N, C-alpha and C. Protein backbone atom coordinates (compact mmCIF):
# COMPACT_ATOMS: atom_id res chain seq x y z
N MET A 1 138.88 126.19 110.31
CA MET A 1 138.10 125.40 111.09
C MET A 1 138.71 123.95 111.51
N SER A 2 138.43 123.82 112.95
CA SER A 2 139.25 122.61 113.27
C SER A 2 139.05 120.79 112.79
N ILE A 3 139.80 120.29 113.22
CA ILE A 3 139.35 118.78 112.84
C ILE A 3 137.99 118.30 113.64
N THR A 4 138.29 118.79 114.74
CA THR A 4 137.37 118.60 115.87
C THR A 4 135.93 118.97 115.38
N LEU A 5 135.60 119.92 115.34
CA LEU A 5 134.48 120.40 114.68
C LEU A 5 133.74 119.21 113.41
N ILE A 6 134.63 119.27 112.60
CA ILE A 6 134.15 118.41 111.30
C ILE A 6 133.85 117.10 111.91
N ILE A 7 134.72 116.57 112.36
CA ILE A 7 133.87 115.16 113.18
C ILE A 7 133.09 115.23 113.65
N ILE A 8 132.68 116.04 114.67
CA ILE A 8 131.31 116.15 115.07
C ILE A 8 129.95 116.57 114.32
N LEU A 9 130.35 117.25 113.16
CA LEU A 9 129.50 117.43 112.21
C LEU A 9 129.13 115.92 111.15
N ILE A 10 130.01 115.39 111.12
CA ILE A 10 129.98 113.84 110.65
C ILE A 10 129.57 112.97 111.39
N ILE A 11 129.57 113.00 112.53
CA ILE A 11 128.95 112.16 113.98
C ILE A 11 127.63 112.51 113.80
N LEU A 12 127.65 113.68 113.77
CA LEU A 12 125.64 114.25 113.97
C LEU A 12 125.29 113.65 112.76
N GLY A 13 125.80 113.86 111.50
CA GLY A 13 125.10 113.57 110.12
C GLY A 13 124.94 112.22 110.49
N ILE A 14 125.88 110.92 110.94
CA ILE A 14 125.31 109.72 110.79
C ILE A 14 124.32 109.51 112.07
N ILE A 15 124.31 110.38 112.95
CA ILE A 15 123.24 109.72 113.97
C ILE A 15 121.71 110.29 113.34
N LEU A 16 121.41 111.25 112.17
CA LEU A 16 120.41 111.79 111.66
C LEU A 16 119.98 110.41 110.88
N PHE A 17 121.04 110.17 110.07
CA PHE A 17 120.78 109.37 109.13
C PHE A 17 120.53 107.92 110.01
N LEU A 18 120.83 107.67 111.17
CA LEU A 18 120.38 106.47 111.53
C LEU A 18 118.79 106.62 112.14
N ILE A 19 118.93 107.80 112.76
CA ILE A 19 117.58 108.30 113.12
C ILE A 19 116.39 108.33 111.78
N GLU A 20 116.71 108.45 110.34
CA GLU A 20 116.04 108.34 109.44
C GLU A 20 115.62 107.01 109.14
N PHE A 21 116.60 106.13 109.17
CA PHE A 21 116.81 104.53 108.65
C PHE A 21 115.95 103.58 109.56
N LEU A 22 115.83 104.37 110.73
CA LEU A 22 115.25 103.40 112.09
C LEU A 22 114.11 103.34 112.33
N LEU A 23 114.12 104.82 112.78
CA LEU A 23 112.74 105.59 113.50
C LEU A 23 111.77 106.30 112.43
N ILE A 24 111.87 106.93 111.35
CA ILE A 24 111.06 107.52 110.74
C ILE A 24 111.02 107.13 109.22
N PRO A 25 109.83 106.85 109.15
CA PRO A 25 109.84 106.32 107.66
C PRO A 25 109.91 107.17 106.64
N GLY A 26 110.41 106.83 105.03
CA GLY A 26 110.20 107.94 104.19
C GLY A 26 111.61 108.93 104.32
N VAL A 27 111.52 109.74 103.24
CA VAL A 27 112.61 110.75 103.15
C VAL A 27 111.99 111.97 104.03
N THR A 28 112.85 112.54 105.20
CA THR A 28 112.48 113.53 106.13
C THR A 28 113.69 113.98 106.16
N VAL A 29 113.44 115.36 107.17
CA VAL A 29 114.27 116.47 107.50
C VAL A 29 115.31 115.59 108.07
N ALA A 30 115.49 114.70 108.76
CA ALA A 30 116.68 113.93 109.33
C ALA A 30 117.42 113.56 108.49
N GLY A 31 117.11 112.83 107.67
CA GLY A 31 118.13 112.06 106.27
C GLY A 31 118.42 113.33 105.83
N ILE A 32 117.77 114.52 105.29
CA ILE A 32 118.13 115.37 104.19
C ILE A 32 119.21 116.15 105.26
N GLY A 33 118.93 116.34 106.58
CA GLY A 33 120.10 116.87 107.38
C GLY A 33 121.09 116.05 107.68
N GLY A 34 120.78 114.88 107.63
CA GLY A 34 122.25 114.19 107.96
C GLY A 34 123.14 114.13 106.63
N ALA A 35 122.17 113.87 105.53
CA ALA A 35 123.34 114.04 104.25
C ALA A 35 124.14 115.30 104.16
N ILE A 36 123.38 116.34 104.62
CA ILE A 36 123.89 117.85 104.38
C ILE A 36 125.11 117.97 104.94
N LEU A 37 125.37 117.61 106.78
CA LEU A 37 126.19 117.50 107.75
C LEU A 37 127.25 116.63 107.30
N MET A 38 127.01 115.39 106.94
CA MET A 38 128.27 114.67 105.95
C MET A 38 128.95 115.10 105.18
N ILE A 39 128.11 115.60 104.33
CA ILE A 39 128.85 115.96 102.94
C ILE A 39 129.41 117.28 103.36
N GLY A 40 128.85 118.02 103.87
CA GLY A 40 129.41 119.55 104.38
C GLY A 40 130.69 119.12 105.17
N GLY A 41 130.80 118.48 106.22
CA GLY A 41 131.93 118.29 106.92
C GLY A 41 132.82 117.41 106.08
N VAL A 42 133.11 116.83 105.26
CA VAL A 42 134.16 116.22 104.02
C VAL A 42 134.08 117.53 103.31
N ILE A 43 133.20 118.44 102.94
CA ILE A 43 133.59 119.36 102.09
C ILE A 43 134.79 120.15 102.85
N LEU A 44 134.12 120.36 104.12
CA LEU A 44 134.94 121.80 105.22
C LEU A 44 136.40 121.06 105.20
N GLY A 45 136.35 119.64 105.27
CA GLY A 45 137.87 119.13 105.41
C GLY A 45 138.80 119.11 104.42
N TYR A 46 138.28 118.92 102.77
CA TYR A 46 138.95 119.21 101.90
C TYR A 46 139.51 120.64 101.72
N HIS A 47 138.65 121.86 102.15
CA HIS A 47 138.45 123.15 101.62
C HIS A 47 139.70 123.77 102.77
N TYR A 48 139.68 123.11 104.18
CA TYR A 48 140.44 123.65 105.11
C TYR A 48 141.80 123.04 105.29
N HIS A 49 142.05 121.90 104.97
CA HIS A 49 142.85 121.37 105.29
C HIS A 49 143.78 120.31 103.93
N GLY A 50 143.16 120.81 103.18
CA GLY A 50 143.69 120.09 102.00
C GLY A 50 143.27 118.68 101.40
N MET A 51 143.84 118.35 100.16
CA MET A 51 143.69 117.07 99.45
C MET A 51 143.92 115.93 100.39
N GLN A 52 145.07 115.60 101.15
CA GLN A 52 145.31 114.54 101.87
C GLN A 52 144.56 114.54 102.95
N VAL A 53 144.42 115.40 103.56
CA VAL A 53 143.43 115.01 104.96
C VAL A 53 141.96 115.24 104.60
N GLY A 54 141.26 115.27 103.53
CA GLY A 54 140.09 115.62 102.88
C GLY A 54 140.01 114.29 102.38
N ASN A 55 140.79 113.25 102.20
CA ASN A 55 140.62 111.76 101.58
C ASN A 55 140.75 111.06 102.50
N PHE A 56 141.34 111.29 103.92
CA PHE A 56 141.14 110.29 105.32
C PHE A 56 140.05 110.92 105.60
N ILE A 57 139.50 111.71 105.61
CA ILE A 57 138.36 112.69 106.42
C ILE A 57 137.09 111.59 105.72
N LEU A 58 137.21 111.66 104.23
CA LEU A 58 135.72 111.10 103.73
C LEU A 58 136.02 109.43 103.59
N LEU A 59 137.38 108.79 103.59
CA LEU A 59 137.14 107.41 103.76
C LEU A 59 136.99 107.13 105.14
N GLY A 60 137.33 107.76 106.20
CA GLY A 60 136.75 107.69 107.54
C GLY A 60 135.16 108.00 107.91
N THR A 61 134.85 108.46 106.89
CA THR A 61 133.50 108.86 107.22
C THR A 61 132.71 107.71 106.77
N VAL A 62 133.15 107.18 105.42
CA VAL A 62 132.61 106.03 104.81
C VAL A 62 132.53 104.92 105.73
N ILE A 63 133.84 104.37 106.33
CA ILE A 63 134.10 103.28 107.13
C ILE A 63 133.06 103.29 108.26
N PHE A 64 133.46 104.31 108.76
CA PHE A 64 132.83 104.63 110.49
C PHE A 64 131.15 104.82 110.09
N SER A 65 130.58 104.95 109.25
CA SER A 65 129.44 105.04 108.47
C SER A 65 128.84 103.25 108.20
N ILE A 66 129.96 102.78 107.65
CA ILE A 66 128.97 101.25 107.84
C ILE A 66 129.58 100.77 108.94
N PHE A 67 130.41 100.78 109.75
CA PHE A 67 130.35 100.14 110.77
C PHE A 67 129.46 100.59 111.93
N THR A 68 129.00 101.87 111.89
CA THR A 68 128.05 102.30 112.56
C THR A 68 126.64 101.45 112.35
N LEU A 69 126.43 101.61 111.32
CA LEU A 69 125.21 100.72 110.55
C LEU A 69 125.12 99.39 110.90
N TYR A 70 126.61 98.99 110.54
CA TYR A 70 126.46 97.13 110.97
C TYR A 70 126.23 96.88 112.59
N LEU A 71 126.90 97.73 113.40
CA LEU A 71 126.67 97.70 115.23
C LEU A 71 125.14 97.64 115.21
N VAL A 72 124.73 98.69 114.91
CA VAL A 72 123.27 99.09 115.24
C VAL A 72 122.06 98.23 114.96
N LEU A 73 122.56 97.55 113.71
CA LEU A 73 121.43 96.86 113.09
C LEU A 73 121.49 95.22 113.75
N LYS A 74 123.04 95.10 114.17
CA LYS A 74 123.18 93.89 114.94
C LYS A 74 122.89 93.72 116.33
N SER A 75 123.10 94.82 116.99
CA SER A 75 122.13 95.00 118.45
C SER A 75 120.90 94.83 117.99
N ARG A 76 120.51 94.48 119.40
CA ARG A 76 119.40 94.20 119.13
C ARG A 76 118.33 95.08 120.11
N THR A 77 119.09 96.33 120.49
CA THR A 77 118.75 97.13 121.45
C THR A 77 117.51 98.19 120.50
N TRP A 78 118.09 98.47 119.42
CA TRP A 78 116.95 99.17 118.35
C TRP A 78 115.77 98.77 118.11
N ARG A 79 115.61 97.25 118.09
CA ARG A 79 114.55 96.70 117.72
C ARG A 79 113.36 97.09 118.74
N LYS A 80 113.29 97.79 120.04
CA LYS A 80 112.64 98.43 120.73
C LYS A 80 111.95 99.37 120.44
N ILE A 81 112.71 100.50 120.02
CA ILE A 81 112.03 101.92 119.35
C ILE A 81 111.66 101.81 117.93
N MET A 82 112.28 100.85 117.20
CA MET A 82 111.85 100.94 115.82
C MET A 82 110.57 100.62 115.33
N LEU A 83 110.18 101.70 114.42
CA LEU A 83 109.02 101.57 113.84
C LEU A 83 108.67 100.09 113.11
N ASP A 84 107.80 99.48 114.15
CA ASP A 84 107.64 98.07 113.23
C ASP A 84 105.79 97.96 113.37
N SER A 85 105.24 98.32 112.12
CA SER A 85 104.03 97.79 112.25
C SER A 85 103.49 96.38 111.75
N LYS A 86 102.79 95.83 112.21
CA LYS A 86 102.45 94.38 111.75
C LYS A 86 100.72 94.58 111.72
N ILE A 87 99.97 94.12 110.86
CA ILE A 87 98.78 94.12 110.69
C ILE A 87 98.38 92.58 110.54
N ASP A 88 97.75 92.39 111.50
CA ASP A 88 97.32 90.56 111.55
C ASP A 88 96.27 90.47 112.40
N SER A 89 95.08 91.51 111.88
CA SER A 89 93.60 91.64 111.83
C SER A 89 92.98 91.15 110.73
N LYS A 90 91.75 89.94 110.88
CA LYS A 90 90.99 90.01 109.51
C LYS A 90 89.89 90.38 109.77
N VAL A 91 88.93 90.75 108.22
CA VAL A 91 88.03 91.24 108.63
C VAL A 91 87.05 89.96 108.26
N ASN A 92 85.82 90.17 109.13
CA ASN A 92 84.80 89.01 108.67
C ASN A 92 85.33 87.66 108.65
N LEU A 93 85.24 87.24 110.29
CA LEU A 93 86.08 85.81 110.14
C LEU A 93 84.96 85.23 110.83
N LEU A 94 84.28 84.26 109.70
CA LEU A 94 82.91 83.51 109.32
C LEU A 94 83.19 82.30 110.45
N ASP A 95 83.18 82.07 111.40
CA ASP A 95 82.84 80.96 112.48
C ASP A 95 81.97 80.40 112.08
N ARG A 96 81.93 78.99 111.27
CA ARG A 96 80.93 78.48 110.75
C ARG A 96 80.10 77.78 111.75
N ASP A 97 80.55 77.87 113.19
CA ASP A 97 79.32 77.41 114.13
C ASP A 97 78.51 78.30 114.67
N GLU A 98 79.17 79.31 114.86
CA GLU A 98 78.61 80.64 115.49
C GLU A 98 77.72 81.59 114.54
N PHE A 99 78.03 81.56 113.02
CA PHE A 99 76.81 82.10 112.41
C PHE A 99 76.65 81.11 111.53
N LYS A 100 75.21 81.17 111.19
CA LYS A 100 74.44 80.00 110.72
C LYS A 100 73.64 80.94 109.41
N ILE A 101 74.97 81.52 108.84
CA ILE A 101 74.68 81.93 107.34
C ILE A 101 75.05 81.14 106.37
N LYS A 102 74.04 81.05 105.39
CA LYS A 102 74.30 80.15 103.88
C LYS A 102 73.68 80.51 103.13
N ALA A 103 74.08 80.19 101.81
CA ALA A 103 73.63 80.43 100.49
C ALA A 103 72.01 80.67 100.66
N GLY A 104 71.56 81.36 100.06
CA GLY A 104 70.05 81.44 99.85
C GLY A 104 69.70 82.31 101.19
N ASP A 105 69.92 82.77 102.14
CA ASP A 105 69.84 83.88 103.26
C ASP A 105 69.35 84.80 102.48
N THR A 106 68.41 85.85 103.02
CA THR A 106 68.20 87.38 102.73
C THR A 106 68.88 88.17 103.93
N GLY A 107 68.85 89.47 103.71
CA GLY A 107 69.12 90.63 104.17
C GLY A 107 69.00 91.75 103.51
N VAL A 108 69.59 92.84 103.86
CA VAL A 108 69.20 93.99 103.48
C VAL A 108 70.88 94.59 103.61
N ALA A 109 70.92 95.59 102.26
CA ALA A 109 72.47 96.54 102.46
C ALA A 109 72.07 97.37 102.94
N ILE A 110 73.32 97.45 104.16
CA ILE A 110 73.53 98.73 104.91
C ILE A 110 73.90 99.86 104.29
N THR A 111 75.09 99.74 103.26
CA THR A 111 75.75 100.76 102.57
C THR A 111 75.59 99.98 101.22
N ARG A 112 75.84 101.24 100.49
CA ARG A 112 75.99 101.10 98.88
C ARG A 112 77.00 99.66 98.56
N LEU A 113 77.01 98.81 97.69
CA LEU A 113 77.89 98.07 97.48
C LEU A 113 78.58 98.26 96.10
N ASN A 114 79.72 98.57 96.17
CA ASN A 114 80.52 99.19 95.14
C ASN A 114 81.91 98.25 94.99
N PRO A 115 82.44 97.50 95.29
CA PRO A 115 81.31 96.61 94.80
C PRO A 115 81.35 95.40 96.40
N MET A 116 81.99 96.23 97.19
CA MET A 116 82.00 95.85 98.38
C MET A 116 81.10 97.03 99.48
N GLY A 117 80.87 96.38 100.67
CA GLY A 117 79.89 97.01 101.42
C GLY A 117 79.40 96.41 102.58
N LYS A 118 78.68 96.97 103.48
CA LYS A 118 77.97 96.47 104.56
C LYS A 118 77.01 96.24 104.53
N VAL A 119 76.19 94.75 104.94
CA VAL A 119 74.98 94.35 104.92
C VAL A 119 74.59 93.65 106.17
N LEU A 120 73.08 93.60 106.14
CA LEU A 120 72.82 93.42 107.57
C LEU A 120 71.89 91.62 107.24
N ILE A 121 72.28 90.98 107.49
CA ILE A 121 72.00 89.27 107.26
C ILE A 121 71.70 88.81 108.92
N GLN A 122 70.22 88.15 108.99
CA GLN A 122 69.76 87.96 110.26
C GLN A 122 70.25 88.57 111.82
N GLY A 123 70.37 89.49 111.52
CA GLY A 123 70.59 90.67 112.47
C GLY A 123 72.02 91.04 113.07
N GLU A 124 72.59 90.37 112.31
CA GLU A 124 74.28 90.70 111.86
C GLU A 124 74.54 91.50 111.04
N TYR A 125 75.64 92.49 111.27
CA TYR A 125 76.08 93.48 110.33
C TYR A 125 77.68 92.19 109.42
N PHE A 126 77.57 92.45 108.48
CA PHE A 126 78.85 91.92 107.29
C PHE A 126 79.35 92.78 106.47
N GLU A 127 80.74 92.67 106.34
CA GLU A 127 81.17 93.17 104.73
C GLU A 127 80.88 92.23 103.77
N ALA A 128 80.37 92.64 102.78
CA ALA A 128 79.47 91.59 101.67
C ALA A 128 80.19 92.08 100.46
N LYS A 129 80.54 91.27 99.27
CA LYS A 129 80.96 91.48 98.19
C LYS A 129 79.86 91.54 97.30
N SER A 130 79.50 92.36 95.91
CA SER A 130 78.62 92.13 94.97
C SER A 130 79.50 91.79 93.89
N LEU A 131 79.01 90.62 92.83
CA LEU A 131 79.82 90.14 92.08
C LEU A 131 79.88 91.15 90.43
N ASN A 132 78.46 91.31 90.45
CA ASN A 132 78.30 91.86 89.11
C ASN A 132 77.77 93.20 88.47
N LYS A 133 76.68 93.59 89.92
CA LYS A 133 76.47 94.89 89.78
C LYS A 133 76.64 95.66 91.17
N LEU A 134 76.88 97.19 91.03
CA LEU A 134 76.59 98.06 91.93
C LEU A 134 75.28 97.91 93.11
N ILE A 135 74.93 97.79 94.10
CA ILE A 135 74.12 97.65 94.91
C ILE A 135 73.72 98.84 95.69
N ASP A 136 72.45 99.33 95.52
CA ASP A 136 72.07 100.52 96.21
C ASP A 136 71.83 100.03 97.80
N GLN A 137 71.95 101.18 98.72
CA GLN A 137 71.82 100.91 100.34
C GLN A 137 70.22 100.91 100.07
N LYS A 138 69.68 100.11 101.08
CA LYS A 138 68.38 99.94 101.67
C LYS A 138 67.65 98.61 100.64
N THR A 139 68.82 97.82 99.57
CA THR A 139 68.04 97.17 98.88
C THR A 139 68.11 95.49 99.35
N PRO A 140 67.08 94.78 99.38
CA PRO A 140 66.68 93.54 99.46
C PRO A 140 68.18 92.84 98.93
N ILE A 141 68.82 92.00 99.90
CA ILE A 141 69.69 91.13 98.80
C ILE A 141 69.60 89.54 99.00
N ILE A 142 70.37 88.97 98.75
CA ILE A 142 69.97 87.24 99.15
C ILE A 142 71.75 86.72 98.66
N VAL A 143 72.24 86.03 99.94
CA VAL A 143 73.64 85.08 99.57
C VAL A 143 73.81 84.34 98.77
N THR A 144 74.72 84.27 98.06
CA THR A 144 74.80 83.60 96.75
C THR A 144 75.90 82.70 97.11
N LYS A 145 76.86 83.07 97.88
CA LYS A 145 77.82 81.90 98.21
C LYS A 145 79.02 82.44 99.33
N ILE A 146 79.41 81.66 100.04
CA ILE A 146 80.29 82.00 100.81
C ILE A 146 81.45 81.48 100.64
N SER A 147 82.67 82.06 100.41
CA SER A 147 83.96 81.73 99.99
C SER A 147 84.86 82.34 101.16
N GLY A 148 85.41 81.31 101.68
CA GLY A 148 86.04 81.63 102.74
C GLY A 148 85.67 82.44 103.94
N ASN A 149 86.03 84.09 104.03
CA ASN A 149 85.33 84.41 104.75
C ASN A 149 84.76 85.89 104.15
N LYS A 150 84.43 85.70 102.98
CA LYS A 150 83.58 86.65 102.39
C LYS A 150 82.55 85.96 101.48
N ILE A 151 81.57 87.29 101.97
CA ILE A 151 80.03 86.65 101.32
C ILE A 151 79.33 87.52 99.94
N ILE A 152 79.09 86.48 99.32
CA ILE A 152 78.89 87.04 97.88
C ILE A 152 77.20 87.07 97.81
N VAL A 153 77.16 88.27 97.68
CA VAL A 153 75.51 88.55 97.48
C VAL A 153 75.19 89.31 96.51
N LYS A 154 73.85 89.11 95.62
CA LYS A 154 73.17 89.57 94.63
C LYS A 154 72.07 90.31 95.08
N PRO A 155 71.16 91.02 94.23
CA PRO A 155 70.00 92.20 94.57
C PRO A 155 69.31 90.99 94.79
N LYS A 156 67.92 90.97 95.35
CA LYS A 156 67.01 89.98 95.68
C LYS A 156 65.80 89.78 94.55
N ASN A 157 65.70 90.99 93.92
CA ASN A 157 64.71 90.78 92.57
C ASN A 157 65.08 90.24 91.31
């Protein structure tokens, strides 16, 4: 087995590891395949070329892997294709000027509040929370408190 083929296996393994690390979340085929190719390349180096060349291949693989990872993370070009999910939205932003909901307003439960669910208050749908009880669907409710963007309700009876 030639050294060139061993080096190609190791480089393919490093590329698969980078794909796993930067693009695909979790442990997938790319990471497992990368590990198999890198370990396989080092083992083939020991098997076909002896202990001394195998040690050089192992040391070179470790140094090249660390150096490649450093360069890839330092360069900003990978940020364009990296998986980057940010959730910056909020549910039920209650603007005090737009919605005139206050404690004491009445409505009806659209879904079961267990403890969260949808309610209809003054013709608008909101997500609300029941403090003590489960509230069944189509039950009349009353707003007890508005805390931030949370509407706290209880059954009307």
